[in-house]
N, C-alpha and C. Protein backbone atom coordinates (compact mmCIF):
# COMPACT_ATOMS: atom_id res chain seq x y z
N MET A 1 66.52 31.74 39.87
CA MET A 1 67.18 32.19 41.05
C MET A 1 67.25 31.57 42.26
N GLN A 2 68.11 31.98 43.15
CA GLN A 2 68.09 31.20 44.17
C GLN A 2 67.18 31.63 45.27
N PRO A 3 66.78 30.95 46.35
CA PRO A 3 66.40 31.98 47.20
C PRO A 3 66.74 33.29 48.04
N ASP A 4 67.90 32.80 48.11
CA ASP A 4 68.61 34.34 48.38
C ASP A 4 68.12 35.48 47.83
N PHE A 5 68.35 35.53 46.49
CA PHE A 5 67.89 36.42 45.35
C PHE A 5 66.97 36.74 46.06
N TRP A 6 65.87 36.21 45.50
CA TRP A 6 64.73 37.20 46.37
C TRP A 6 64.29 37.66 47.34
N HIS A 7 65.05 36.95 48.29
CA HIS A 7 64.61 37.53 49.79
C HIS A 7 65.41 38.68 49.97
N GLU A 8 66.31 39.08 49.30
CA GLU A 8 67.29 40.15 49.23
C GLU A 8 66.50 41.39 48.40
N ARG A 9 66.24 40.97 47.33
CA ARG A 9 65.12 41.63 46.49
C ARG A 9 64.37 42.35 47.43
N TRP A 10 63.50 41.61 48.13
CA TRP A 10 61.95 42.36 48.96
C TRP A 10 62.70 43.12 49.88
N ARG A 11 64.10 42.58 50.88
CA ARG A 11 64.28 42.98 51.99
C ARG A 11 64.83 44.26 51.54
N SER A 12 65.63 44.64 50.24
CA SER A 12 66.26 46.03 50.15
C SER A 12 64.97 46.81 49.02
N GLY A 13 63.80 46.02 48.92
CA GLY A 13 63.20 47.30 48.45
C GLY A 13 62.96 47.05 46.58
N LYS A 14 64.21 46.36 46.06
CA LYS A 14 64.07 46.18 44.79
C LYS A 14 62.97 45.45 44.09
N VAL A 15 61.87 45.90 44.26
CA VAL A 15 60.82 44.79 43.50
C VAL A 15 60.34 46.06 42.37
N GLY A 16 61.19 46.44 41.61
CA GLY A 16 60.67 46.82 40.54
C GLY A 16 59.82 45.85 39.37
N PHE A 17 59.76 44.37 39.71
CA PHE A 17 59.43 43.93 38.73
C PHE A 17 57.41 44.12 39.31
N HIS A 18 57.30 44.67 40.59
CA HIS A 18 56.12 44.57 41.30
C HIS A 18 54.93 45.85 40.02
N GLN A 19 54.08 45.48 39.87
CA GLN A 19 52.87 46.50 38.92
C GLN A 19 51.95 47.11 40.26
N ASN A 20 52.01 47.90 40.13
CA ASN A 20 50.75 48.94 40.90
C ASN A 20 49.76 49.34 40.73
N THR A 21 49.57 48.44 39.78
CA THR A 21 48.04 48.58 39.09
C THR A 21 47.61 47.07 38.55
N VAL A 22 46.47 46.50 38.48
CA VAL A 22 45.99 45.29 38.26
C VAL A 22 46.50 45.25 36.40
N ALA A 23 46.56 44.05 36.58
CA ALA A 23 47.15 43.81 34.77
C ALA A 23 45.98 43.96 33.58
N PRO A 24 46.17 44.66 32.94
CA PRO A 24 44.96 44.79 32.19
C PRO A 24 44.35 43.60 31.44
N ALA A 25 45.81 42.41 31.24
CA ALA A 25 45.25 41.17 30.35
C ALA A 25 45.22 40.32 31.25
N LEU A 26 44.99 40.50 32.36
CA LEU A 26 44.06 40.02 33.39
C LEU A 26 42.59 39.97 33.61
N LYS A 27 42.21 41.62 33.47
CA LYS A 27 41.07 41.70 33.12
C LYS A 27 40.09 41.57 31.58
N LYS A 28 41.73 41.74 30.66
CA LYS A 28 40.74 41.34 29.54
C LYS A 28 40.21 39.23 29.03
N TYR A 29 41.33 39.45 29.64
CA TYR A 29 40.85 37.33 28.81
C TYR A 29 41.08 36.08 30.41
N TRP A 30 40.64 36.98 31.60
CA TRP A 30 40.42 36.10 32.22
C TRP A 30 39.15 35.51 32.20
N PRO A 31 37.97 35.97 31.46
CA PRO A 31 36.39 35.10 31.18
C PRO A 31 36.97 34.39 30.09
N HIS A 32 37.79 34.62 29.30
CA HIS A 32 38.37 33.35 28.63
C HIS A 32 38.28 31.75 29.41
N LEU A 33 38.77 31.71 30.38
CA LEU A 33 38.41 30.63 31.55
C LEU A 33 37.01 30.13 31.85
N ASN A 34 35.66 30.73 31.66
CA ASN A 34 34.35 31.08 31.99
C ASN A 34 34.83 29.98 33.08
N LEU A 35 34.96 30.62 33.60
CA LEU A 35 34.67 29.66 35.45
C LEU A 35 33.86 30.25 36.39
N PRO A 36 33.11 29.66 37.14
CA PRO A 36 32.19 29.69 38.32
C PRO A 36 33.12 30.64 39.11
N ARG A 37 32.41 31.35 39.55
CA ARG A 37 31.91 32.27 40.96
C ARG A 37 32.54 31.29 42.33
N GLU A 38 33.37 31.86 42.58
CA GLU A 38 33.93 31.19 43.97
C GLU A 38 34.96 30.37 43.83
N CYS A 39 35.05 29.92 42.74
CA CYS A 39 36.39 28.98 42.38
C CYS A 39 37.10 29.47 42.65
N PRO A 40 38.24 28.42 43.81
CA PRO A 40 39.19 29.02 44.10
C PRO A 40 40.55 28.73 42.89
N VAL A 41 41.45 29.68 43.24
CA VAL A 41 42.15 30.27 42.10
C VAL A 41 43.53 30.35 43.20
N PHE A 42 45.09 29.35 42.37
CA PHE A 42 45.78 29.58 42.44
C PHE A 42 46.38 30.38 42.45
N VAL A 43 47.66 30.97 42.84
CA VAL A 43 48.73 32.15 42.13
C VAL A 43 49.84 31.65 42.76
N PRO A 44 50.91 31.17 42.05
CA PRO A 44 52.15 30.63 42.32
C PRO A 44 52.84 32.39 42.25
N LEU A 45 54.08 32.06 43.55
CA LEU A 45 54.73 33.40 43.52
C LEU A 45 54.31 34.41 43.38
N CYS A 46 53.16 34.64 44.27
CA CYS A 46 52.76 35.49 44.33
C CYS A 46 52.40 37.60 44.89
N GLY A 47 53.97 37.40 45.37
CA GLY A 47 54.40 38.36 45.74
C GLY A 47 53.46 39.42 46.69
N LYS A 48 53.31 40.29 46.30
CA LYS A 48 52.21 41.64 46.84
C LYS A 48 51.48 41.54 45.67
N SER A 49 51.10 41.18 44.70
CA SER A 49 50.29 41.61 43.41
C SER A 49 48.86 41.73 43.97
N LEU A 50 48.39 43.25 43.15
CA LEU A 50 47.13 43.58 43.37
C LEU A 50 46.03 42.74 42.62
N ASP A 51 46.67 42.14 41.71
CA ASP A 51 45.83 41.08 40.91
C ASP A 51 45.11 40.30 41.73
N MET A 52 45.38 39.72 42.78
CA MET A 52 44.85 38.88 44.04
C MET A 52 43.78 39.52 44.25
N LEU A 53 43.49 40.25 44.72
CA LEU A 53 42.95 41.50 45.04
C LEU A 53 41.44 41.44 44.21
N TRP A 54 41.65 42.02 42.94
CA TRP A 54 40.59 42.03 41.51
C TRP A 54 40.47 40.56 41.47
N LEU A 55 40.88 39.31 41.87
CA LEU A 55 40.05 37.91 41.54
C LEU A 55 39.22 37.84 42.98
N ARG A 56 39.75 38.18 43.78
CA ARG A 56 39.02 38.28 45.01
C ARG A 56 37.50 39.46 44.94
N ASP A 57 37.60 40.42 44.43
CA ASP A 57 36.37 41.30 44.03
C ASP A 57 35.49 40.30 43.15
N ARG A 58 36.05 39.43 42.07
CA ARG A 58 34.99 38.69 41.28
C ARG A 58 34.84 37.51 41.99
N GLU A 59 34.24 37.93 43.43
CA GLU A 59 34.16 36.30 44.33
C GLU A 59 35.22 35.13 43.91
N HIS A 60 35.88 35.15 43.63
CA HIS A 60 36.98 34.13 44.06
C HIS A 60 37.47 33.61 45.38
N SER A 61 38.18 32.74 45.73
CA SER A 61 39.08 32.70 46.59
C SER A 61 40.34 32.45 45.85
N VAL A 62 41.44 32.54 46.87
CA VAL A 62 42.63 33.17 46.44
C VAL A 62 43.69 32.83 46.82
N VAL A 63 44.27 31.50 46.89
CA VAL A 63 45.17 30.99 47.17
C VAL A 63 47.19 31.29 46.71
N GLY A 64 47.94 32.49 47.39
CA GLY A 64 49.23 32.26 46.93
C GLY A 64 50.07 31.81 47.38
N VAL A 65 51.20 31.76 46.78
CA VAL A 65 52.48 31.24 47.53
C VAL A 65 53.55 31.88 47.11
N GLU A 66 53.87 32.28 48.29
CA GLU A 66 55.37 33.43 47.81
C GLU A 66 56.33 33.05 49.26
N LEU A 67 57.63 33.43 48.53
CA LEU A 67 58.90 33.27 49.22
C LEU A 67 58.90 33.86 50.62
N SER A 68 58.76 35.02 50.38
CA SER A 68 59.24 36.37 51.26
C SER A 68 58.02 36.76 52.18
N ASP A 69 58.09 36.70 53.15
CA ASP A 69 57.18 36.91 54.49
C ASP A 69 56.90 38.23 54.07
N VAL A 70 57.82 39.53 53.90
CA VAL A 70 58.26 40.85 53.16
C VAL A 70 57.07 41.23 53.09
N ALA A 71 56.91 40.60 51.52
CA ALA A 71 56.16 40.88 50.62
C ALA A 71 54.99 40.58 50.67
N LEU A 72 54.22 39.54 51.75
CA LEU A 72 53.05 39.14 51.99
C LEU A 72 52.82 39.84 53.24
N GLU A 73 53.83 40.80 53.81
CA GLU A 73 53.14 41.45 54.65
C GLU A 73 52.93 42.63 54.69
N SER A 74 53.57 43.30 53.48
CA SER A 74 53.46 44.49 52.79
C SER A 74 51.82 44.67 51.82
N PHE A 75 51.74 43.25 50.76
CA PHE A 75 50.66 43.17 50.75
C PHE A 75 49.30 43.49 51.95
N CYS A 76 49.33 42.86 52.65
CA CYS A 76 48.45 43.17 53.86
C CYS A 76 48.78 44.40 54.60
N MET A 77 49.53 44.87 54.87
CA MET A 77 49.47 46.29 55.08
C MET A 77 49.23 46.87 54.60
N GLU A 78 49.76 47.35 52.82
CA GLU A 78 49.05 48.11 52.58
C GLU A 78 48.48 48.18 51.78
N ASN A 79 47.40 47.04 51.97
CA ASN A 79 46.15 46.58 51.03
C ASN A 79 44.80 47.05 52.64
N GLY A 80 44.80 47.31 53.70
CA GLY A 80 44.06 47.11 54.87
C GLY A 80 43.72 45.25 55.11
N VAL A 81 44.41 44.57 54.53
CA VAL A 81 44.02 42.99 54.79
C VAL A 81 44.52 42.54 56.44
N LEU A 82 43.47 42.05 56.64
CA LEU A 82 43.54 41.48 58.55
C LEU A 82 43.78 39.96 58.52
N ALA A 83 45.09 39.76 58.61
CA ALA A 83 45.27 38.24 57.78
C ALA A 83 45.40 37.65 59.46
N ARG A 84 44.83 36.77 59.42
CA ARG A 84 45.66 35.69 60.67
C ARG A 84 46.29 34.58 60.30
N ARG A 85 47.21 34.83 61.06
CA ARG A 85 48.21 33.74 60.88
C ARG A 85 48.56 32.39 61.40
N ALA A 86 49.13 32.31 60.84
CA ALA A 86 49.08 30.37 61.58
C ALA A 86 49.82 29.60 60.85
N ASP A 87 50.67 28.02 61.27
CA ASP A 87 51.53 27.50 60.48
C ASP A 87 51.12 26.70 60.33
N ILE A 88 51.26 26.03 58.60
CA ILE A 88 50.27 24.87 58.20
C ILE A 88 51.20 24.04 57.27
N ASP A 89 51.51 22.89 57.75
CA ASP A 89 52.51 22.05 56.99
C ASP A 89 53.90 22.66 56.65
N GLY A 90 54.22 23.44 57.43
CA GLY A 90 56.06 24.07 57.08
C GLY A 90 56.02 25.26 56.09
N PHE A 91 54.17 26.14 56.56
CA PHE A 91 54.00 27.78 56.23
C PHE A 91 53.89 28.44 56.71
N GLU A 92 53.96 29.45 56.78
CA GLU A 92 53.60 30.54 57.08
C GLU A 92 52.19 30.39 56.96
N GLU A 93 51.09 30.50 56.90
CA GLU A 93 49.65 31.24 56.13
C GLU A 93 49.27 32.51 56.80
N TYR A 94 48.79 33.57 56.02
CA TYR A 94 47.90 34.27 56.08
C TYR A 94 46.63 34.39 55.87
N ALA A 95 45.38 34.12 56.12
CA ALA A 95 44.33 33.81 55.92
C ALA A 95 43.77 35.15 56.50
N ALA A 96 42.56 35.26 54.99
CA ALA A 96 41.77 36.80 54.95
C ALA A 96 40.85 36.22 54.41
N ASP A 97 39.47 36.74 54.52
CA ASP A 97 38.11 36.93 53.69
C ASP A 97 38.47 36.69 52.01
N ARG A 98 38.18 35.17 51.95
CA ARG A 98 38.77 34.97 50.60
C ARG A 98 39.86 34.97 50.08
N LEU A 99 40.89 34.67 51.14
CA LEU A 99 42.48 34.64 50.80
C LEU A 99 43.43 33.99 51.58
N ARG A 100 43.92 32.99 51.15
CA ARG A 100 44.94 32.20 51.76
C ARG A 100 46.49 32.40 51.30
N LEU A 101 47.47 33.47 51.82
CA LEU A 101 48.45 33.27 51.64
C LEU A 101 49.59 32.37 52.63
N LEU A 102 50.28 31.26 51.58
CA LEU A 102 50.94 30.80 52.50
C LEU A 102 52.74 31.42 51.66
N CYS A 103 53.49 31.07 53.40
CA CYS A 103 54.52 31.98 52.53
C CYS A 103 56.11 30.64 52.61
N GLY A 104 56.09 30.09 52.08
CA GLY A 104 57.10 29.45 51.81
C GLY A 104 57.80 28.84 50.66
N ASP A 105 58.42 27.74 50.87
CA ASP A 105 59.11 26.90 49.31
C ASP A 105 57.87 26.67 48.08
N PHE A 106 57.85 27.14 47.14
CA PHE A 106 56.74 26.51 45.99
C PHE A 106 57.34 25.36 46.13
N PHE A 107 58.09 25.09 45.80
CA PHE A 107 58.75 23.31 46.12
C PHE A 107 58.61 21.98 46.93
N ARG A 108 58.16 22.95 47.94
CA ARG A 108 57.48 21.74 48.80
C ARG A 108 56.18 21.84 49.06
N LEU A 109 55.43 22.56 48.55
CA LEU A 109 53.70 23.03 48.34
C LEU A 109 53.59 21.23 48.27
N ALA A 110 52.41 20.81 49.30
CA ALA A 110 51.69 19.87 48.64
C ALA A 110 50.52 20.00 48.40
N LEU A 111 49.69 18.86 47.66
CA LEU A 111 47.80 19.43 47.55
C LEU A 111 47.62 18.89 48.87
N PRO A 112 47.28 18.76 49.97
CA PRO A 112 46.75 18.82 50.99
C PRO A 112 47.09 19.60 51.61
N THR A 113 47.87 20.78 51.75
CA THR A 113 48.11 22.26 51.56
C THR A 113 47.55 22.75 51.00
N LEU A 114 47.85 22.57 49.96
CA LEU A 114 47.34 23.88 48.73
C LEU A 114 45.73 23.77 48.73
N GLY A 115 45.17 22.47 48.64
CA GLY A 115 43.82 21.87 48.69
C GLY A 115 43.69 22.80 47.11
N SER A 116 42.30 22.04 47.16
CA SER A 116 41.64 21.84 45.14
C SER A 116 41.62 23.16 44.64
N CYS A 117 42.30 23.41 43.34
CA CYS A 117 42.29 25.05 42.92
C CYS A 117 42.00 24.38 41.22
N PRO A 118 40.60 24.73 40.83
CA PRO A 118 40.36 24.54 39.57
C PRO A 118 40.75 25.99 38.45
N ALA A 119 41.48 26.19 38.87
CA ALA A 119 42.39 27.51 38.74
C ALA A 119 43.65 27.83 38.75
N ILE A 120 44.26 28.32 38.04
CA ILE A 120 45.65 28.89 38.07
C ILE A 120 45.73 30.37 37.00
N TYR A 121 46.12 31.18 38.37
CA TYR A 121 46.82 32.68 37.53
C TYR A 121 47.95 32.62 37.37
N ASP A 122 49.37 32.70 36.15
CA ASP A 122 50.68 32.99 36.55
C ASP A 122 51.03 33.96 35.75
N ARG A 123 51.09 35.48 36.07
CA ARG A 123 51.64 36.31 35.48
C ARG A 123 53.09 36.77 35.75
N ALA A 124 53.59 35.55 36.94
CA ALA A 124 55.35 36.57 37.66
C ALA A 124 56.06 35.08 38.02
N ALA A 125 55.42 34.15 37.61
CA ALA A 125 56.25 32.96 38.00
C ALA A 125 56.87 32.20 36.93
N LEU A 126 56.24 32.23 35.78
CA LEU A 126 57.45 30.95 34.73
C LEU A 126 58.23 32.24 34.35
N VAL A 127 57.93 33.24 34.53
CA VAL A 127 59.08 34.29 33.70
C VAL A 127 59.86 34.55 34.99
N SER A 128 60.03 34.01 36.05
CA SER A 128 61.21 34.50 37.00
C SER A 128 62.05 33.90 37.02
N TRP A 129 61.13 31.84 36.30
CA TRP A 129 62.79 30.82 36.35
C TRP A 129 63.51 30.62 35.47
N ALA A 130 64.43 30.76 35.87
CA ALA A 130 65.62 30.29 35.09
C ALA A 130 65.67 29.19 33.86
N PRO A 131 65.69 29.53 32.96
CA PRO A 131 65.44 28.38 31.72
C PRO A 131 66.10 26.84 33.26
N GLU A 132 66.80 26.59 33.58
CA GLU A 132 66.77 25.18 34.02
C GLU A 132 65.91 24.86 34.91
N LEU A 133 65.04 25.56 35.67
CA LEU A 133 64.28 25.76 36.58
C LEU A 133 62.75 25.37 35.83
N ARG A 134 62.46 25.50 34.93
CA ARG A 134 61.25 25.97 34.17
C ARG A 134 60.61 24.41 34.15
N THR A 135 61.17 23.59 33.88
CA THR A 135 61.05 22.19 33.53
C THR A 135 60.12 21.55 35.26
N ARG A 136 61.01 21.85 36.25
CA ARG A 136 60.58 21.16 37.81
C ARG A 136 59.67 22.22 38.36
N TYR A 137 59.28 23.15 37.96
CA TYR A 137 58.68 24.61 38.10
C TYR A 137 57.15 23.74 37.51
N VAL A 138 57.05 23.41 36.53
CA VAL A 138 55.94 23.13 35.58
C VAL A 138 55.36 21.44 35.90
N GLU A 139 56.37 20.77 36.20
CA GLU A 139 55.97 19.63 36.69
C GLU A 139 55.86 19.63 38.10
N HIS A 140 56.43 20.41 39.02
CA HIS A 140 55.70 20.34 40.31
C HIS A 140 53.84 20.87 40.39
N LEU A 141 53.84 21.54 39.44
CA LEU A 141 52.55 22.59 39.41
C LEU A 141 51.77 21.53 38.95
N THR A 142 51.48 20.86 37.64
CA THR A 142 51.34 19.87 37.45
C THR A 142 50.63 19.03 38.15
N LYS A 143 51.98 18.51 39.27
CA LYS A 143 51.91 17.69 40.36
C LYS A 143 50.25 17.83 41.49
N VAL A 144 50.51 19.14 41.83
CA VAL A 144 49.13 19.27 42.62
C VAL A 144 48.26 20.48 42.06
N THR A 145 48.04 20.14 40.90
CA THR A 145 47.07 20.68 40.43
C THR A 145 45.80 19.56 40.18
N PRO A 146 44.58 19.15 39.64
CA PRO A 146 43.69 18.16 38.98
C PRO A 146 43.39 18.41 37.49
N GLN A 147 43.06 17.02 37.03
CA GLN A 147 42.45 17.53 36.33
C GLN A 147 41.72 18.07 35.68
N GLY A 148 41.64 18.89 34.37
CA GLY A 148 40.52 19.84 33.69
C GLY A 148 40.97 21.13 34.68
N CYS A 149 42.19 21.78 35.25
CA CYS A 149 42.52 22.99 36.01
C CYS A 149 42.65 24.29 34.99
N GLN A 150 42.09 25.05 34.52
CA GLN A 150 42.08 26.16 33.83
C GLN A 150 43.20 27.23 34.68
N THR A 151 44.23 27.35 33.31
CA THR A 151 45.06 28.33 33.91
C THR A 151 45.45 29.80 32.76
N LEU A 152 45.12 30.82 33.04
CA LEU A 152 45.75 32.19 32.30
C LEU A 152 47.07 32.40 32.87
N LEU A 153 48.16 32.49 31.73
CA LEU A 153 49.20 32.04 31.44
C LEU A 153 49.90 33.65 30.97
N ILE A 154 50.83 34.43 31.42
CA ILE A 154 51.14 35.96 30.84
C ILE A 154 52.60 35.38 30.86
N THR A 155 53.25 35.92 29.85
CA THR A 155 54.54 35.60 29.24
C THR A 155 54.95 36.74 28.89
N LEU A 156 56.31 36.89 29.19
CA LEU A 156 57.06 38.13 28.37
C LEU A 156 58.19 37.68 27.00
N GLU A 157 58.09 37.95 25.63
CA GLU A 157 59.09 37.97 24.79
C GLU A 157 60.32 38.82 24.33
N TYR A 158 61.55 38.76 24.48
CA TYR A 158 62.31 39.94 24.24
C TYR A 158 64.21 38.80 23.96
N PRO A 159 64.91 40.08 23.39
CA PRO A 159 65.99 38.85 22.95
C PRO A 159 66.48 38.78 23.95
N GLN A 160 66.45 37.92 24.68
CA GLN A 160 67.18 37.22 25.90
C GLN A 160 68.69 37.73 26.25
N THR A 161 69.61 37.54 25.04
CA THR A 161 70.55 38.47 25.04
C THR A 161 70.18 40.16 25.42
N GLU A 162 69.68 40.57 25.02
CA GLU A 162 69.91 41.99 25.89
C GLU A 162 69.63 42.13 27.37
N ILE A 163 69.11 41.70 28.42
CA ILE A 163 68.71 41.94 29.50
C ILE A 163 68.88 39.93 30.21
N ALA A 164 70.09 40.18 31.29
CA ALA A 164 69.73 38.50 32.39
C ALA A 164 68.80 37.73 32.50
N GLY A 165 67.63 39.22 33.22
CA GLY A 165 66.66 38.32 33.84
C GLY A 165 67.31 38.14 35.09
N PRO A 166 65.68 38.30 36.52
CA PRO A 166 64.74 37.90 35.27
C PRO A 166 64.12 39.32 35.41
N PRO A 167 62.50 40.03 35.12
CA PRO A 167 61.78 38.67 34.29
C PRO A 167 62.47 37.72 32.74
N PHE A 168 62.41 36.82 32.91
CA PHE A 168 63.47 36.35 31.15
C PHE A 168 62.57 35.89 30.60
N SER A 169 63.01 35.96 29.18
CA SER A 169 61.99 35.70 27.99
C SER A 169 60.94 34.31 27.66
N VAL A 170 60.05 34.33 27.93
CA VAL A 170 59.56 32.70 27.38
C VAL A 170 58.61 33.02 26.36
N ASP A 171 58.82 32.31 25.21
CA ASP A 171 58.48 32.34 23.96
C ASP A 171 57.48 31.35 23.61
N ALA A 172 56.54 30.83 23.11
CA ALA A 172 55.31 30.15 22.29
C ALA A 172 56.05 28.77 22.43
N GLU A 173 57.07 28.45 21.70
CA GLU A 173 58.03 27.35 21.40
C GLU A 173 58.54 26.95 22.84
N CYS A 174 58.81 27.59 24.08
CA CYS A 174 59.17 27.13 25.23
C CYS A 174 57.72 26.77 25.94
N VAL A 175 57.10 27.66 25.86
CA VAL A 175 55.42 27.07 26.60
C VAL A 175 54.96 26.07 25.84
N ASN A 176 54.84 25.09 25.09
CA ASN A 176 54.31 24.99 24.10
C ASN A 176 55.25 23.04 24.65
N ARG A 177 56.58 23.38 25.33
CA ARG A 177 57.49 22.20 25.21
C ARG A 177 57.33 21.88 26.57
N LEU A 178 57.05 22.57 27.55
CA LEU A 178 56.63 22.88 28.43
C LEU A 178 55.77 22.24 29.06
N TYR A 179 54.49 22.67 28.36
CA TYR A 179 53.23 22.22 29.26
C TYR A 179 52.71 21.06 28.58
N SER A 180 52.82 20.75 27.09
CA SER A 180 52.18 20.57 25.70
C SER A 180 51.55 18.70 26.19
N ALA A 181 52.12 17.96 26.64
CA ALA A 181 52.37 16.97 27.63
C ALA A 181 51.15 16.86 28.53
N HIS A 182 50.79 17.55 29.33
CA HIS A 182 49.88 17.60 30.16
C HIS A 182 48.98 18.53 30.46
N HIS A 183 48.89 19.58 29.17
CA HIS A 183 48.41 20.38 29.02
C HIS A 183 47.86 20.69 27.56
N GLU A 184 46.63 21.52 27.08
CA GLU A 184 46.08 21.54 25.81
C GLU A 184 46.48 23.23 25.97
N VAL A 185 46.88 24.22 24.87
CA VAL A 185 48.13 25.12 25.05
C VAL A 185 47.05 25.77 24.07
N ARG A 186 46.79 27.19 24.35
CA ARG A 186 46.05 27.07 23.42
C ARG A 186 46.52 29.46 23.85
N GLN A 187 46.92 29.71 22.88
CA GLN A 187 47.11 31.36 22.75
C GLN A 187 46.36 31.79 22.59
N LEU A 188 46.17 32.99 23.43
CA LEU A 188 44.51 34.23 23.12
C LEU A 188 45.16 35.24 22.57
N HIS A 189 46.54 35.70 22.65
CA HIS A 189 46.83 37.19 22.48
C HIS A 189 48.41 36.76 22.65
N ARG A 190 49.06 38.19 21.63
CA ARG A 190 50.41 38.31 21.69
C ARG A 190 50.41 39.85 21.06
N GLU A 191 51.04 40.37 21.96
CA GLU A 191 50.66 42.20 21.77
C GLU A 191 52.12 43.08 21.73
N ASP A 192 52.96 43.80 21.05
CA ASP A 192 54.20 44.13 21.32
C ASP A 192 54.13 46.08 22.38
N ILE A 193 54.56 45.44 23.38
CA ILE A 193 54.19 46.33 24.93
C ILE A 193 55.70 47.47 24.83
N LEU A 194 56.72 47.31 23.86
CA LEU A 194 57.67 47.66 24.40
C LEU A 194 57.37 49.30 24.71
N ALA A 195 56.78 50.33 24.09
CA ALA A 195 56.45 51.30 24.19
C ALA A 195 56.08 51.57 25.54
N ALA A 196 54.96 50.37 26.61
CA ALA A 196 54.28 50.75 27.37
C ALA A 196 55.47 50.18 28.82
N ASP A 197 56.32 49.96 28.43
CA ASP A 197 57.29 49.50 29.64
C ASP A 197 58.92 50.39 29.75
N PRO A 198 58.30 51.49 30.42
CA PRO A 198 60.16 52.48 29.99
C PRO A 198 61.07 51.41 30.95
N ARG A 199 60.53 50.39 31.71
CA ARG A 199 61.81 49.62 32.86
C ARG A 199 62.37 48.94 31.95
N MET A 200 61.52 48.16 31.29
CA MET A 200 62.53 47.69 30.09
C MET A 200 63.06 48.00 29.15
N ARG A 201 62.94 49.45 28.66
CA ARG A 201 63.25 50.12 27.98
C ARG A 201 64.54 50.65 28.21
N ALA A 202 64.49 50.60 29.76
CA ALA A 202 65.73 51.40 29.94
C ALA A 202 66.87 50.19 30.80
N ARG A 203 66.71 49.05 30.41
CA ARG A 203 67.27 47.79 31.23
C ARG A 203 68.01 47.55 29.97
N GLY A 204 67.58 47.99 28.49
CA GLY A 204 67.82 47.57 27.52
C GLY A 204 67.38 47.01 26.34
N ALA A 205 66.41 46.46 26.24
CA ALA A 205 65.04 45.43 25.52
C ALA A 205 64.53 46.55 24.83
N THR A 206 65.04 46.11 22.98
CA THR A 206 64.42 46.72 21.46
C THR A 206 63.65 46.12 21.61
N GLN A 207 62.91 44.91 21.82
CA GLN A 207 61.46 44.30 21.76
C GLN A 207 61.33 43.54 22.84
N LEU A 208 59.80 44.18 23.20
CA LEU A 208 59.08 43.54 24.37
C LEU A 208 57.53 43.09 23.97
N TYR A 209 57.34 41.22 23.56
CA TYR A 209 55.96 41.22 23.37
C TYR A 209 55.56 40.69 24.49
N GLU A 210 54.20 40.66 24.20
CA GLU A 210 53.53 39.97 26.09
C GLU A 210 52.25 39.31 25.24
N ALA A 211 52.58 37.56 26.09
CA ALA A 211 51.76 36.82 25.07
C ALA A 211 50.66 36.66 26.32
N CYS A 212 49.37 35.98 26.03
CA CYS A 212 48.19 35.34 26.66
C CYS A 212 47.98 33.95 26.73
N TYR A 213 48.16 32.66 27.26
CA TYR A 213 47.74 31.75 26.94
C TYR A 213 46.80 31.02 28.14
N HIS A 214 45.93 30.25 27.31
CA HIS A 214 44.99 29.84 28.57
C HIS A 214 45.29 28.09 28.17
N LEU A 215 45.46 27.39 29.19
CA LEU A 215 45.83 26.10 29.50
C LEU A 215 44.97 25.71 30.05
N THR A 216 44.52 23.62 29.58
CA THR A 216 44.05 23.08 30.25
C THR A 216 44.37 22.13 30.39
N ARG A 217 44.31 21.54 31.53
CA ARG A 217 45.27 20.05 32.26
C ARG A 217 44.32 19.16 31.58
N LEU A 218 45.21 18.08 30.77
CA LEU A 218 44.58 17.31 30.59
C LEU A 218 44.60 15.88 31.36
C-alpha cells in the first residue's frame, strides 16, 4: 500500500488492525526462539502495538520502525511512555527505557541506524504488504539483519478473493518462497481463528487461519 494510505488510516482513526491486547501467539511461541535476556528485538511496521511492551517487560530492548507519527505518539501517550525525541539519519526517534521507535520509511532504514538486532518480531508487517512489495520487504529486512537472526513471524490465511486486504493472506507456500533462500523456515503452529475474529467475519471472510513461523537467518 502507498504511504498516503497508511497516513490517512492513522489520521482518521481507521485502525481496526490494531489489537488492544498482547497477541496470544507471541506469548506462546516467543520462547521457541530461545533468546537471551536483553537481546535487542526489531519490530518492523510496529504501529502502536502493545506487543512491544510485552517484549520490553521480558527485558528485551525493542527497536520499532513505523511510518506514522500519529501511531508512535499515540503509543507513547496511551502507555505513559516518556520518550525523548531526536532526528536520527532521516528518522524521528522516540527513545525511552529499552525502547527506540523510529518514525520514517522502512525502506530507508540502514544497519547503522537500526543497530544490530539478533531477533525480529513480525505480526503485522508482512501481512500488510501487497504481493508486489513483499519480495522487496524481505530483501531489505535480510539486508539489515545479521546471520543467525531469529524471527517469530505471524501470518494470516484466508481466501484472498473474499477481502481486498490489508491484512493480506500469506500462506506457507508464500512464506517459503520469500524466505527460504536466506532463512531456515519452520512452521510452529497453524490454527483456525475465524470464530475469534468478528472483524474479519464482518468483512466477508469464510475461512481464517493464523500461522506462526520460526525463521533463522542463514
